Amino acid sequence: MERTGFEPFGEQLVSATDTQPRSRASKLLLRAGTGLFWSLVAAIVLARAAFFEPGVYDGFSHVASLAKNLLF
């Protein structure tokens, strides 16, 4: 095993001489997966923005102030 062919965590590094042409199906699958991932990220962010309730964490601040009053 060449030391230069692997990074410190054991992943094999791709060198310029080892490049193999990817198949068309592989490229299409990669783009579809990437598109699906980012569309899910966008949907989650938009859903969080649409259903955000500003007063959700007020209960925690109330409990924290009670704990502060008990300790000090």
C-alpha atoms as a PDB file:
ATOM      1  CA  MET A   1       0.000   0.000   0.000  1.00  0.00           C
ATOM      2  CA  GLU A   2       1.483   3.313  -1.055  1.00  0.00           C
ATOM      3  CA  ARG A   3       1.506   5.959   1.599  1.00  0.00           C
ATOM      4  CA  THR A   4       0.858   8.705  -0.950  1.00  0.00           C
ATOM      5  CA  GLY A   5      -2.275   7.003  -2.248  1.00  0.00           C
ATOM      6  CA  PHE A   6      -4.187   7.314   1.010  1.00  0.00           C
ATOM      7  CA  GLU A   7      -5.125  10.232   3.238  1.00  0.00           C
ATOM      8  CA  PRO A   8      -4.623  10.047   7.041  1.00  0.00           C
ATOM      9  CA  PHE A   9      -8.078   8.552   7.671  1.00  0.00           C
ATOM     10  CA  GLY A  10      -7.608   5.707   5.207  1.00  0.00           C
ATOM     11  CA  GLU A  11      -9.630   7.064   2.296  1.00  0.00           C
ATOM     12  CA  GLN A  12      -8.066   6.367  -1.049  1.00  0.00           C
ATOM     13  CA  LEU A  13      -7.046   9.487  -2.931  1.00  0.00           C
ATOM     14  CA  VAL A  14      -7.917   9.788  -6.598  1.00  0.00           C
ATOM     15  CA  SER A  15      -4.920  10.768  -8.648  1.00  0.00           C
ATOM     16  CA  ALA A  16      -4.948  12.301 -12.100  1.00  0.00           C
ATOM     17  CA  THR A  17      -3.701   9.075 -13.644  1.00  0.00           C
ATOM     18  CA  ASP A  18      -6.525   6.993 -12.132  1.00  0.00           C
ATOM     19  CA  THR A  19      -9.400   8.997 -13.573  1.00  0.00           C
ATOM     20  CA  GLN A  20     -11.911   6.806 -15.314  1.00  0.00           C
ATOM     21  CA  PRO A  21     -14.711   8.193 -17.425  1.00  0.00           C
ATOM     22  CA  ARG A  22     -18.000   7.980 -15.566  1.00  0.00           C
ATOM     23  CA  SER A  23     -20.958   6.407 -17.218  1.00  0.00           C
ATOM     24  CA  ARG A  24     -23.914   8.505 -18.257  1.00  0.00           C
ATOM     25  CA  ALA A  25     -26.185   6.711 -15.782  1.00  0.00           C
ATOM     26  CA  SER A  26     -23.753   7.437 -12.946  1.00  0.00           C
ATOM     27  CA  LYS A  27     -23.718  11.151 -13.765  1.00  0.00           C
ATOM     28  CA  LEU A  28     -27.502  11.208 -14.013  1.00  0.00           C
ATOM     29  CA  LEU A  29     -27.904   9.405 -10.700  1.00  0.00           C
ATOM     30  CA  LEU A  30     -25.458  11.765  -9.014  1.00  0.00           C
ATOM     31  CA  ARG A  31     -27.320  14.839 -10.274  1.00  0.00           C
ATOM     32  CA  ALA A  32     -30.698  13.383  -9.297  1.00  0.00           C
ATOM     33  CA  GLY A  33     -29.478  12.568  -5.801  1.00  0.00           C
ATOM     34  CA  THR A  34     -27.929  15.987  -5.363  1.00  0.00           C
ATOM     35  CA  GLY A  35     -31.088  17.684  -6.589  1.00  0.00           C
ATOM     36  CA  LEU A  36     -33.241  15.599  -4.269  1.00  0.00           C
ATOM     37  CA  PHE A  37     -31.018  16.395  -1.292  1.00  0.00           C
ATOM     38  CA  TRP A  38     -31.067  20.164  -1.851  1.00  0.00           C
ATOM     39  CA  SER A  39     -34.796  20.214  -2.565  1.00  0.00           C
ATOM     40  CA  LEU A  40     -35.391  18.432   0.757  1.00  0.00           C
ATOM     41  CA  VAL A  41     -33.143  20.960   2.513  1.00  0.00           C
ATOM     42  CA  ALA A  42     -35.110  23.830   0.975  1.00  0.00           C
ATOM     43  CA  ALA A  43     -38.453  22.209   1.888  1.00  0.00           C
ATOM     44  CA  ILE A  44     -37.384  21.735   5.503  1.00  0.00           C
ATOM     45  CA  VAL A  45     -36.144  25.314   5.812  1.00  0.00           C
ATOM     46  CA  LEU A  46     -39.330  26.701   4.259  1.00  0.00           C
ATOM     47  CA  ALA A  47     -41.516  24.511   6.481  1.00  0.00           C
ATOM     48  CA  ARG A  48     -39.634  25.679   9.572  1.00  0.00           C
ATOM     49  CA  ALA A  49     -40.114  29.294   8.484  1.00  0.00           C
ATOM     50  CA  ALA A  50     -43.826  28.786   7.768  1.00  0.00           C
ATOM     51  CA  PHE A  51     -44.675  26.991  11.006  1.00  0.00           C
ATOM     52  CA  PHE A  52     -42.318  28.819  13.384  1.00  0.00           C
ATOM     53  CA  GLU A  53     -43.936  29.878  16.643  1.00  0.00           C
ATOM     54  CA  PRO A  54     -42.061  32.720  18.317  1.00  0.00           C
ATOM     55  CA  GLY A  55     -43.267  31.889  21.835  1.00  0.00           C
ATOM     56  CA  VAL A  56     -42.133  28.260  21.873  1.00  0.00           C
ATOM     57  CA  TYR A  57     -39.065  28.900  24.013  1.00  0.00           C
ATOM     58  CA  ASP A  58     -40.673  31.336  26.490  1.00  0.00           C
ATOM     59  CA  GLY A  59     -41.257  28.474  28.928  1.00  0.00           C
ATOM     60  CA  PHE A  60     -37.519  27.824  29.132  1.00  0.00           C
ATOM     61  CA  SER A  61     -36.744  31.445  29.989  1.00  0.00           C
ATOM     62  CA  HIS A  62     -39.398  31.296  32.727  1.00  0.00           C
ATOM     63  CA  VAL A  63     -37.802  28.176  34.219  1.00  0.00           C
ATOM     64  CA  ALA A  64     -34.347  29.733  33.940  1.00  0.00           C
ATOM     65  CA  SER A  65     -35.462  32.865  35.768  1.00  0.00           C
ATOM     66  CA  LEU A  66     -37.001  30.735  38.541  1.00  0.00           C
ATOM     67  CA  ALA A  67     -33.752  28.781  38.895  1.00  0.00           C
ATOM     68  CA  LYS A  68     -31.779  32.032  38.996  1.00  0.00           C
ATOM     69  CA  ASN A  69     -34.026  33.396  41.737  1.00  0.00           C
ATOM     70  CA  LEU A  70     -33.611  30.210  43.774  1.00  0.00           C
ATOM     71  CA  LEU A  71     -29.823  30.164  43.472  1.00  0.00           C
ATOM     72  CA  PHE A  72     -29.092  33.859  43.991  1.00  0.00           C
END
